Amino acid sequence: MRTAALVAQTLGNLGIEHQTGVGRTGIVGHIRGRKAAPMLLIRADMDALPMQEQTGLP
């Protein structure tokens, strides 16, 4: 949970809108462009536990 708090603090310091408590310890950051355009999603794991992706995606 300290890592999530550090990430949330860093996003806040950078002025990036974010939501905490997603799935208990998750964080969602929102970086908005100046005009409507396609979106980019980045998903990352912060717990450093070994994990296999089960969606079949790379």
PDB file of N, CA and C in Angstrom:
ATOM      1  N   MET A   1       0.814  -1.182   0.000  1.00  0.00           N
ATOM      2  CA  MET A   1       0.000   0.000   0.000  1.00  0.00           C
ATOM      3  C   MET A   1       0.866   1.258   0.000  1.00  0.00           C
ATOM      4  N   ARG A   2       2.107   1.137   0.473  1.00  0.00           N
ATOM      5  CA  ARG A   2       2.986   2.310   0.441  1.00  0.00           C
ATOM      6  C   ARG A   2       3.332   2.699  -0.987  1.00  0.00           C
ATOM      7  N   THR A   3       3.482   1.688  -1.859  1.00  0.00           N
ATOM      8  CA  THR A   3       3.786   1.989  -3.261  1.00  0.00           C
ATOM      9  C   THR A   3       2.628   2.743  -3.898  1.00  0.00           C
ATOM     10  N   ALA A   4       1.406   2.309  -3.641  1.00  0.00           N
ATOM     11  CA  ALA A   4       0.233   2.995  -4.191  1.00  0.00           C
ATOM     12  C   ALA A   4       0.163   4.428  -3.675  1.00  0.00           C
ATOM     13  N   ALA A   5       0.467   4.632  -2.402  1.00  0.00           N
ATOM     14  CA  ALA A   5       0.456   5.985  -1.834  1.00  0.00           C
ATOM     15  C   ALA A   5       1.521   6.853  -2.490  1.00  0.00           C
ATOM     16  N   LEU A   6       2.695   6.286  -2.736  1.00  0.00           N
ATOM     17  CA  LEU A   6       3.771   7.035  -3.392  1.00  0.00           C
ATOM     18  C   LEU A   6       3.385   7.409  -4.822  1.00  0.00           C
ATOM     19  N   VAL A   7       2.784   6.466  -5.541  1.00  0.00           N
ATOM     20  CA  VAL A   7       2.352   6.744  -6.917  1.00  0.00           C
ATOM     21  C   VAL A   7       1.276   7.829  -6.913  1.00  0.00           C
ATOM     22  N   ALA A   8       0.312   7.737  -6.004  1.00  0.00           N
ATOM     23  CA  ALA A   8      -0.753   8.744  -5.922  1.00  0.00           C
ATOM     24  C   ALA A   8      -0.173  10.117  -5.588  1.00  0.00           C
ATOM     25  N   GLN A   9       0.765  10.160  -4.662  1.00  0.00           N
ATOM     26  CA  GLN A   9       1.399  11.426  -4.295  1.00  0.00           C
ATOM     27  C   GLN A   9       2.154  12.020  -5.484  1.00  0.00           C
ATOM     28  N   THR A  10       2.874  11.179  -6.207  1.00  0.00           N
ATOM     29  CA  THR A  10       3.632  11.645  -7.371  1.00  0.00           C
ATOM     30  C   THR A  10       2.700  12.171  -8.455  1.00  0.00           C
ATOM     31  N   LEU A  11       1.618  11.448  -8.727  1.00  0.00           N
ATOM     32  CA  LEU A  11       0.642  11.924  -9.713  1.00  0.00           C
ATOM     33  C   LEU A  11       0.073  13.276  -9.288  1.00  0.00           C
ATOM     34  N   GLY A  12      -0.264  13.401  -8.008  1.00  0.00           N
ATOM     35  CA  GLY A  12      -0.783  14.667  -7.500  1.00  0.00           C
ATOM     36  C   GLY A  12       0.228  15.795  -7.635  1.00  0.00           C
ATOM     37  N   ASN A  13       1.490  15.514  -7.306  1.00  0.00           N
ATOM     38  CA  ASN A  13       2.549  16.520  -7.421  1.00  0.00           C
ATOM     39  C   ASN A  13       2.730  16.974  -8.863  1.00  0.00           C
ATOM     40  N   LEU A  14       2.471  16.076  -9.803  1.00  0.00           N
ATOM     41  CA  LEU A  14       2.594  16.405 -11.226  1.00  0.00           C
ATOM     42  C   LEU A  14       1.325  17.056 -11.781  1.00  0.00           C
ATOM     43  N   GLY A  15       0.309  17.172 -10.942  1.00  0.00           N
ATOM     44  CA  GLY A  15      -0.942  17.776 -11.383  1.00  0.00           C
ATOM     45  C   GLY A  15      -1.796  16.854 -12.228  1.00  0.00           C
ATOM     46  N   ILE A  16      -1.571  15.548 -12.103  1.00  0.00           N
ATOM     47  CA  ILE A  16      -2.327  14.572 -12.886  1.00  0.00           C
ATOM     48  C   ILE A  16      -3.544  14.120 -12.084  1.00  0.00           C
ATOM     49  N   GLU A  17      -4.716  14.280 -12.667  1.00  0.00           N
ATOM     50  CA  GLU A  17      -5.955  13.826 -12.044  1.00  0.00           C
ATOM     51  C   GLU A  17      -5.867  12.317 -11.851  1.00  0.00           C
ATOM     52  N   HIS A  18      -6.262  11.832 -10.668  1.00  0.00           N
ATOM     53  CA  HIS A  18      -6.188  10.393 -10.422  1.00  0.00           C
ATOM     54  C   HIS A  18      -7.252   9.962  -9.418  1.00  0.00           C
ATOM     55  N   GLN A  19      -7.521   8.663  -9.426  1.00  0.00           N
ATOM     56  CA  GLN A  19      -8.497   8.054  -8.531  1.00  0.00           C
ATOM     57  C   GLN A  19      -7.796   6.928  -7.795  1.00  0.00           C
ATOM     58  N   THR A  20      -7.919   6.895  -6.480  1.00  0.00           N
ATOM     59  CA  THR A  20      -7.300   5.837  -5.683  1.00  0.00           C
ATOM     60  C   THR A  20      -8.369   4.859  -5.195  1.00  0.00           C
ATOM     61  N   GLY A  21      -7.923   3.730  -4.636  1.00  0.00           N
ATOM     62  CA  GLY A  21      -8.841   2.750  -4.082  1.00  0.00           C
ATOM     63  C   GLY A  21      -9.532   1.888  -5.118  1.00  0.00           C
ATOM     64  N   VAL A  22      -9.027   1.876  -6.328  1.00  0.00           N
ATOM     65  CA  VAL A  22      -9.602   1.051  -7.390  1.00  0.00           C
ATOM     66  C   VAL A  22      -9.174  -0.390  -7.126  1.00  0.00           C
ATOM     67  N   GLY A  23     -10.119  -1.268  -6.867  1.00  0.00           N
ATOM     68  CA  GLY A  23      -9.748  -2.634  -6.517  1.00  0.00           C
ATOM     69  C   GLY A  23      -8.955  -2.677  -5.220  1.00  0.00           C
ATOM     70  N   ARG A  24      -9.251  -1.810  -4.317  1.00  0.00           N
ATOM     71  CA  ARG A  24      -8.644  -1.628  -2.994  1.00  0.00           C
ATOM     72  C   ARG A  24      -7.341  -0.853  -3.044  1.00  0.00           C
ATOM     73  N   THR A  25      -6.347  -1.293  -3.801  1.00  0.00           N
ATOM     74  CA  THR A  25      -5.048  -0.610  -3.789  1.00  0.00           C
ATOM     75  C   THR A  25      -4.664  -0.028  -5.142  1.00  0.00           C
ATOM     76  N   GLY A  26      -5.540  -0.129  -6.126  1.00  0.00           N
ATOM     77  CA  GLY A  26      -5.207   0.354  -7.464  1.00  0.00           C
ATOM     78  C   GLY A  26      -5.343   1.864  -7.603  1.00  0.00           C
ATOM     79  N   ILE A  27      -4.750   2.376  -8.666  1.00  0.00           N
ATOM     80  CA  ILE A  27      -4.788   3.805  -8.977  1.00  0.00           C
ATOM     81  C   ILE A  27      -5.067   3.954 -10.467  1.00  0.00           C
ATOM     82  N   VAL A  28      -5.916   4.901 -10.800  1.00  0.00           N
ATOM     83  CA  VAL A  28      -6.173   5.233 -12.198  1.00  0.00           C
ATOM     84  C   VAL A  28      -5.803   6.693 -12.387  1.00  0.00           C
ATOM     85  N   GLY A  29      -4.889   6.959 -13.309  1.00  0.00           N
ATOM     86  CA  GLY A  29      -4.513   8.329 -13.634  1.00  0.00           C
ATOM     87  C   GLY A  29      -5.186   8.751 -14.926  1.00  0.00           C
ATOM     88  N   HIS A  30      -5.605  10.009 -14.993  1.00  0.00           N
ATOM     89  CA  HIS A  30      -6.283  10.537 -16.182  1.00  0.00           C
ATOM     90  C   HIS A  30      -5.449  11.690 -16.738  1.00  0.00           C
ATOM     91  N   ILE A  31      -4.896  11.503 -17.902  1.00  0.00           N
ATOM     92  CA  ILE A  31      -4.172  12.573 -18.582  1.00  0.00           C
ATOM     93  C   ILE A  31      -4.998  12.922 -19.814  1.00  0.00           C
ATOM     94  N   ARG A  32      -5.574  14.079 -19.795  1.00  0.00           N
ATOM     95  CA  ARG A  32      -6.490  14.483 -20.862  1.00  0.00           C
ATOM     96  C   ARG A  32      -5.767  15.335 -21.897  1.00  0.00           C
ATOM     97  N   GLY A  33      -6.077  15.070 -23.160  1.00  0.00           N
ATOM     98  CA  GLY A  33      -5.530  15.863 -24.252  1.00  0.00           C
ATOM     99  C   GLY A  33      -6.334  17.134 -24.458  1.00  0.00           C
ATOM    100  N   ARG A  34      -5.875  17.949 -25.354  1.00  0.00           N
ATOM    101  CA  ARG A  34      -6.560  19.220 -25.637  1.00  0.00           C
ATOM    102  C   ARG A  34      -7.773  19.040 -26.539  1.00  0.00           C
ATOM    103  N   LYS A  35      -7.820  17.934 -27.275  1.00  0.00           N
ATOM    104  CA  LYS A  35      -8.965  17.693 -28.153  1.00  0.00           C
ATOM    105  C   LYS A  35      -9.272  16.198 -28.170  1.00  0.00           C
ATOM    106  N   ALA A  36     -10.452  15.852 -28.659  1.00  0.00           N
ATOM    107  CA  ALA A  36     -10.864  14.453 -28.714  1.00  0.00           C
ATOM    108  C   ALA A  36      -9.927  13.670 -29.634  1.00  0.00           C
ATOM    109  N   ALA A  37      -9.485  12.538 -29.160  1.00  0.00           N
ATOM    110  CA  ALA A  37      -8.564  11.692 -29.921  1.00  0.00           C
ATOM    111  C   ALA A  37      -8.641  10.277 -29.357  1.00  0.00           C
ATOM    112  N   PRO A  38      -8.052   9.299 -30.045  1.00  0.00           N
ATOM    113  CA  PRO A  38      -8.018   7.946 -29.503  1.00  0.00           C
ATOM    114  C   PRO A  38      -7.326   7.924 -28.135  1.00  0.00           C
ATOM    115  N   MET A  39      -7.687   6.929 -27.309  1.00  0.00           N
ATOM    116  CA  MET A  39      -7.117   6.800 -25.970  1.00  0.00           C
ATOM    117  C   MET A  39      -6.004   5.776 -25.940  1.00  0.00           C
ATOM    118  N   LEU A  40      -5.173   5.908 -24.934  1.00  0.00           N
ATOM    119  CA  LEU A  40      -4.120   4.943 -24.650  1.00  0.00           C
ATOM    120  C   LEU A  40      -4.294   4.494 -23.214  1.00  0.00           C
ATOM    121  N   LEU A  41      -4.263   3.197 -22.978  1.00  0.00           N
ATOM    122  CA  LEU A  41      -4.371   2.642 -21.638  1.00  0.00           C
ATOM    123  C   LEU A  41      -3.075   1.931 -21.316  1.00  0.00           C
ATOM    124  N   ILE A  42      -2.536   2.201 -20.148  1.00  0.00           N
ATOM    125  CA  ILE A  42      -1.344   1.491 -19.682  1.00  0.00           C
ATOM    126  C   ILE A  42      -1.716   0.801 -18.379  1.00  0.00           C
ATOM    127  N   ARG A  43      -1.475  -0.492 -18.312  1.00  0.00           N
ATOM    128  CA  ARG A  43      -1.760  -1.266 -17.110  1.00  0.00           C
ATOM    129  C   ARG A  43      -0.445  -1.784 -16.561  1.00  0.00           C
ATOM    130  N   ALA A  44      -0.243  -1.649 -15.272  1.00  0.00           N
ATOM    131  CA  ALA A  44       1.006  -2.114 -14.668  1.00  0.00           C
ATOM    132  C   ALA A  44       0.715  -2.790 -13.334  1.00  0.00           C
ATOM    133  N   ASP A  45       1.611  -3.659 -12.931  1.00  0.00           N
ATOM    134  CA  ASP A  45       1.503  -4.376 -11.675  1.00  0.00           C
ATOM    135  C   ASP A  45       2.498  -3.773 -10.695  1.00  0.00           C
ATOM    136  N   MET A  46       2.079  -3.499  -9.467  1.00  0.00           N
ATOM    137  CA  MET A  46       2.962  -2.843  -8.503  1.00  0.00           C
ATOM    138  C   MET A  46       3.347  -3.708  -7.318  1.00  0.00           C
ATOM    139  N   ASP A  47       2.913  -4.961  -7.240  1.00  0.00           N
ATOM    140  CA  ASP A  47       3.185  -5.725  -6.025  1.00  0.00           C
ATOM    141  C   ASP A  47       4.429  -6.601  -6.099  1.00  0.00           C
ATOM    142  N   ALA A  48       5.076  -6.660  -7.220  1.00  0.00           N
ATOM    143  CA  ALA A  48       6.325  -7.405  -7.404  1.00  0.00           C
ATOM    144  C   ALA A  48       6.173  -8.905  -7.168  1.00  0.00           C
ATOM    145  N   LEU A  49       4.970  -9.419  -7.261  1.00  0.00           N
ATOM    146  CA  LEU A  49       4.764 -10.856  -7.142  1.00  0.00           C
ATOM    147  C   LEU A  49       4.825 -11.481  -8.528  1.00  0.00           C
ATOM    148  N   PRO A  50       5.364 -12.703  -8.631  1.00  0.00           N
ATOM    149  CA  PRO A  50       5.378 -13.354  -9.937  1.00  0.00           C
ATOM    150  C   PRO A  50       3.939 -13.613 -10.391  1.00  0.00           C
ATOM    151  N   MET A  51       3.661 -13.294 -11.642  1.00  0.00           N
ATOM    152  CA  MET A  51       2.289 -13.410 -12.131  1.00  0.00           C
ATOM    153  C   MET A  51       2.302 -13.736 -13.610  1.00  0.00           C
ATOM    154  N   GLN A  52       1.456 -14.649 -14.019  1.00  0.00           N
ATOM    155  CA  GLN A  52       1.307 -14.994 -15.423  1.00  0.00           C
ATOM    156  C   GLN A  52       0.085 -14.282 -15.979  1.00  0.00           C
ATOM    157  N   GLU A  53       0.231 -13.642 -17.127  1.00  0.00           N
ATOM    158  CA  GLU A  53      -0.907 -13.010 -17.800  1.00  0.00           C
ATOM    159  C   GLU A  53      -1.840 -14.119 -18.279  1.00  0.00           C
ATOM    160  N   GLN A  54      -3.119 -14.033 -17.955  1.00  0.00           N
ATOM    161  CA  GLN A  54      -4.057 -15.092 -18.294  1.00  0.00           C
ATOM    162  C   GLN A  54      -5.050 -14.689 -19.378  1.00  0.00           C
ATOM    163  N   THR A  55      -4.862 -13.523 -19.959  1.00  0.00           N
ATOM    164  CA  THR A  55      -5.800 -13.081 -20.991  1.00  0.00           C
ATOM    165  C   THR A  55      -5.407 -13.566 -22.372  1.00  0.00           C
ATOM    166  N   GLY A  56      -4.174 -14.073 -22.506  1.00  0.00           N
ATOM    167  CA  GLY A  56      -3.681 -14.472 -23.811  1.00  0.00           C
ATOM    168  C   GLY A  56      -3.052 -13.316 -24.577  1.00  0.00           C
ATOM    169  N   LEU A  57      -3.067 -12.115 -23.976  1.00  0.00           N
ATOM    170  CA  LEU A  57      -2.444 -10.953 -24.606  1.00  0.00           C
ATOM    171  C   LEU A  57      -0.957 -10.912 -24.267  1.00  0.00           C
ATOM    172  N   PRO A  58      -0.146 -10.283 -25.121  1.00  0.00           N
ATOM    173  CA  PRO A  58       1.298 -10.206 -24.810  1.00  0.00           C
ATOM    174  C   PRO A  58       1.566  -9.305 -23.619  1.00  0.00           C
TER     175      PRO A  58
END
